């Protein structure tokens, strides 16, 4: 059992100013790992993992029962994005740290409620996306990160070494780069005619 002692807080303002959408769920992922469901009810196939940006929270809801079954992040995350459940049952999330000038990627053990990995350790001002951002754990154990507001995608090892780094040369009218989503696809997942 996972007590969901949690309160959604009405928020009047945040790092970017007034908050009109105090829930702002930006990513939703169904639990699709039957092997994890056999291990713990948190991973039941009727559950859905939701990233709730303006509550600084990732939460798991039992969709069929309409109940919140687990939540974490208030006091630890700032404006998160793209939480996903990994094959080992941990949750990977892009922690924007909006207003602090340095983002991070966090891997959390949801049962122990402990951070088991983060990139970069201790934060780094050269890695920051005040909004948006994506993360994907790759089959080789590395993590693909989309630093959306800077138009950057890069792959990092579990030790924190950057394997490759791409920055889009394309700019908008304000001379800013952006890459809303960075995601790796296997060649077999791409349909070519």
Protein backbone atom coordinates (compact mmCIF):
# COMPACT_ATOMS: atom_id res chain seq x y z
CA UNK A 1 0.00 0.00 0.00
CA UNK A 2 1.16 3.50 -0.84
CA UNK A 3 -0.54 6.19 1.20
CA UNK A 4 -1.31 9.20 -0.93
CA UNK A 5 -1.02 11.89 1.72
CA UNK A 6 -1.00 14.76 -0.68
CA UNK A 7 -2.78 18.02 -1.32
CA UNK A 8 -3.09 19.85 -4.61
CA UNK A 9 -2.35 23.43 -3.70
CA UNK A 10 -4.01 26.46 -5.27
CA UNK A 11 -1.12 28.56 -6.52
CA UNK A 12 -1.43 32.25 -7.24
CA UNK A 13 2.04 32.88 -8.63
CA UNK A 14 5.20 31.01 -9.53
CA UNK A 15 8.68 31.69 -10.93
CA UNK A 16 7.16 32.91 -14.21
CA UNK A 17 4.41 35.08 -12.65
CA UNK A 18 0.66 34.46 -12.18
CA UNK A 19 -0.42 30.80 -12.42
CA UNK A 20 -3.79 30.33 -14.10
CA UNK A 21 -3.53 26.56 -14.61
CA UNK A 22 -2.53 25.33 -11.16
CA UNK A 23 -2.51 21.64 -12.19
CA UNK A 24 -0.99 21.80 -15.70
CA UNK A 25 -0.48 18.10 -16.39
CA UNK A 26 2.14 18.07 -19.15
CA UNK A 27 2.90 14.35 -19.58
CA UNK A 28 0.84 11.23 -19.05
CA UNK A 29 2.09 7.64 -19.33
CA UNK A 30 0.09 4.46 -18.77
CA UNK A 31 1.71 1.72 -16.74
CA UNK A 32 2.58 -0.80 -19.44
CA UNK A 33 4.90 -3.19 -17.65
CA UNK A 34 3.03 -6.32 -16.47
CA UNK A 35 6.20 -7.68 -14.86
CA UNK A 36 6.25 -4.68 -12.51
CA UNK A 37 2.53 -4.99 -11.72
CA UNK A 38 3.21 -8.47 -10.32
CA UNK A 39 5.83 -6.92 -8.03
CA UNK A 40 3.79 -4.01 -6.63
CA UNK A 41 0.26 -2.60 -7.05
CA UNK A 42 1.78 0.81 -7.80
CA UNK A 43 2.43 -0.48 -11.34
CA UNK A 44 -1.09 -1.84 -11.98
CA UNK A 45 -2.11 -1.54 -15.65
CA UNK A 46 -5.07 0.68 -14.70
CA UNK A 47 -2.63 3.22 -13.22
CA UNK A 48 -1.34 6.24 -15.06
CA UNK A 49 1.76 8.33 -14.26
CA UNK A 50 1.13 12.06 -14.62
CA UNK A 51 3.64 14.91 -14.48
CA UNK A 52 1.90 17.89 -12.85
CA UNK A 53 4.13 20.86 -13.59
CA UNK A 54 2.61 23.61 -11.48
CA UNK A 55 2.28 21.34 -8.44
CA UNK A 56 5.98 20.36 -8.69
CA UNK A 57 4.76 16.77 -8.64
CA UNK A 58 4.72 13.41 -10.35
CA UNK A 59 1.67 11.36 -9.39
CA UNK A 60 0.14 7.97 -10.06
CA UNK A 61 -3.62 7.71 -10.42
CA UNK A 62 -5.75 4.59 -10.56
CA UNK A 63 -7.72 5.61 -13.65
CA UNK A 64 -10.52 3.06 -13.19
CA UNK A 65 -11.10 3.95 -9.51
CA UNK A 66 -10.50 7.68 -10.05
CA UNK A 67 -8.10 7.77 -7.12
CA UNK A 68 -4.69 9.23 -6.45
CA UNK A 69 -2.50 6.33 -5.26
CA UNK A 70 0.96 7.92 -5.08
CA UNK A 71 2.57 11.38 -5.37
CA UNK A 72 6.04 12.81 -4.93
CA UNK A 73 7.97 15.96 -5.69
CA UNK A 74 6.63 18.92 -3.73
CA UNK A 75 9.65 20.46 -2.03
CA UNK A 76 12.00 18.46 -4.28
CA UNK A 77 11.02 19.24 -7.90
CA UNK A 78 10.44 22.60 -9.59
CA UNK A 79 8.17 22.59 -12.67
CA UNK A 80 8.94 18.99 -13.84
CA UNK A 81 8.32 17.41 -17.26
CA UNK A 82 8.22 14.01 -18.95
CA UNK A 83 8.15 11.52 -16.07
CA UNK A 84 8.34 7.90 -17.26
CA UNK A 85 8.53 4.51 -15.56
CA UNK A 86 11.71 2.58 -16.34
CA UNK A 87 12.03 -1.19 -16.75
CA UNK A 88 13.41 -1.42 -13.19
CA UNK A 89 10.34 0.38 -11.77
CA UNK A 90 12.09 3.67 -11.08
CA UNK A 91 10.73 6.96 -12.39
CA UNK A 92 12.83 9.21 -14.63
CA UNK A 93 11.86 12.90 -14.74
CA UNK A 94 13.16 16.20 -16.16
CA UNK A 95 13.34 18.62 -13.20
CA UNK A 96 13.33 22.07 -14.80
CA UNK A 97 14.26 23.94 -11.59
CA UNK A 98 12.46 26.93 -13.13
CA UNK A 99 13.79 30.20 -11.79
CA UNK A 100 17.00 28.65 -10.44
CA UNK A 101 18.97 28.68 -13.70
CA UNK A 102 20.11 25.02 -13.60
CA UNK A 103 17.95 22.00 -14.50
CA UNK A 104 18.56 18.36 -13.66
CA UNK A 105 17.38 14.86 -14.52
CA UNK A 106 16.26 12.69 -11.61
CA UNK A 107 15.76 8.94 -11.30
CA UNK A 108 13.57 8.11 -8.32
CA UNK A 109 12.79 4.82 -6.60
CA UNK A 110 9.06 5.43 -6.04
CA UNK A 111 8.64 2.76 -3.38
CA UNK A 112 11.58 3.95 -1.24
CA UNK A 113 10.89 7.58 -2.30
CA UNK A 114 14.62 8.11 -2.81
CA UNK A 115 16.57 9.70 -5.63
CA UNK A 116 18.93 7.00 -6.90
CA UNK A 117 20.57 8.94 -9.76
CA UNK A 118 20.69 12.49 -11.02
CA UNK A 119 22.37 14.43 -13.78
CA UNK A 120 24.26 16.60 -13.30
CA UNK A 121 25.20 15.94 -9.73
CA UNK A 122 24.91 19.21 -7.84
CA UNK A 123 23.50 21.17 -10.81
CA UNK A 124 25.29 23.01 -13.59
CA UNK A 125 24.34 26.43 -15.00
CA UNK A 126 25.18 25.29 -18.54
CA UNK A 127 22.20 22.88 -18.42
CA UNK A 128 18.90 24.71 -18.09
CA UNK A 129 15.45 24.69 -19.62
CA UNK A 130 13.03 26.84 -17.66
CA UNK A 131 10.09 25.14 -19.37
CA UNK A 132 9.61 21.93 -21.34
CA UNK A 133 12.31 19.25 -21.43
CA UNK A 134 12.43 15.54 -22.15
CA UNK A 135 14.26 12.45 -20.89
CA UNK A 136 14.52 8.92 -22.24
CA UNK A 137 16.47 5.99 -20.81
CA UNK A 138 18.16 4.15 -23.67
CA UNK A 139 18.72 0.38 -23.96
CA UNK A 140 22.47 0.87 -23.34
CA UNK A 141 21.77 2.48 -19.92
CA UNK A 142 22.52 6.01 -21.08
CA UNK A 143 19.98 8.81 -20.87
CA UNK A 144 18.85 11.00 -23.77
CA UNK A 145 18.06 14.53 -22.61
CA UNK A 146 16.18 17.25 -24.48
CA UNK A 147 17.11 20.68 -23.15
CA UNK A 148 14.15 22.13 -25.00
CA UNK A 149 14.51 25.89 -24.51
CA UNK A 150 18.11 25.88 -25.72
CA UNK A 151 17.45 23.63 -28.71
CA UNK A 152 19.84 21.01 -27.39
CA UNK A 153 19.80 17.23 -27.31
CA UNK A 154 22.50 15.13 -25.68
CA UNK A 155 23.20 11.65 -24.38
CA UNK A 156 24.76 11.10 -20.97
CA UNK A 157 26.23 7.97 -19.37
CA UNK A 158 25.26 6.77 -15.87
CA UNK A 159 28.55 8.30 -14.68
CA UNK A 160 27.53 11.71 -16.05
CA UNK A 161 29.76 11.83 -19.14
CA UNK A 162 28.24 13.42 -22.24
CA UNK A 163 28.55 10.98 -25.16
CA UNK A 164 27.29 13.34 -27.85
CA UNK A 165 25.72 16.78 -27.95
CA UNK A 166 23.62 18.46 -30.64
CA UNK A 167 22.49 22.09 -30.70
CA UNK A 168 20.07 23.20 -33.37
CA UNK A 169 21.28 26.11 -35.49
CA UNK A 170 17.67 27.19 -36.11
CA UNK A 171 16.46 30.26 -34.25
CA UNK A 172 13.08 31.94 -33.87
CA UNK A 173 12.38 35.65 -34.31
CA UNK A 174 13.82 36.36 -30.84
CA UNK A 175 17.04 34.56 -31.78
CA UNK A 176 16.30 31.68 -29.42
CA UNK A 177 16.66 28.02 -30.23
CA UNK A 178 14.02 25.49 -29.26
CA UNK A 179 13.51 21.76 -29.66
CA UNK A 180 10.23 20.81 -28.06
CA UNK A 181 10.96 17.08 -27.90
CA UNK A 182 14.07 14.94 -28.33
CA UNK A 183 13.46 11.21 -28.66
CA UNK A 184 15.42 8.27 -30.04
CA UNK A 185 13.72 5.78 -32.35
CA UNK A 186 15.02 2.43 -33.49
CA UNK A 187 15.30 2.06 -37.29
CA UNK A 188 12.56 -0.60 -37.08
CA UNK A 189 10.20 2.01 -35.56
CA UNK A 190 10.52 4.39 -38.49
CA UNK A 191 8.26 3.73 -41.45
CA UNK A 192 9.84 4.56 -44.78
CA UNK A 193 8.00 4.36 -48.10
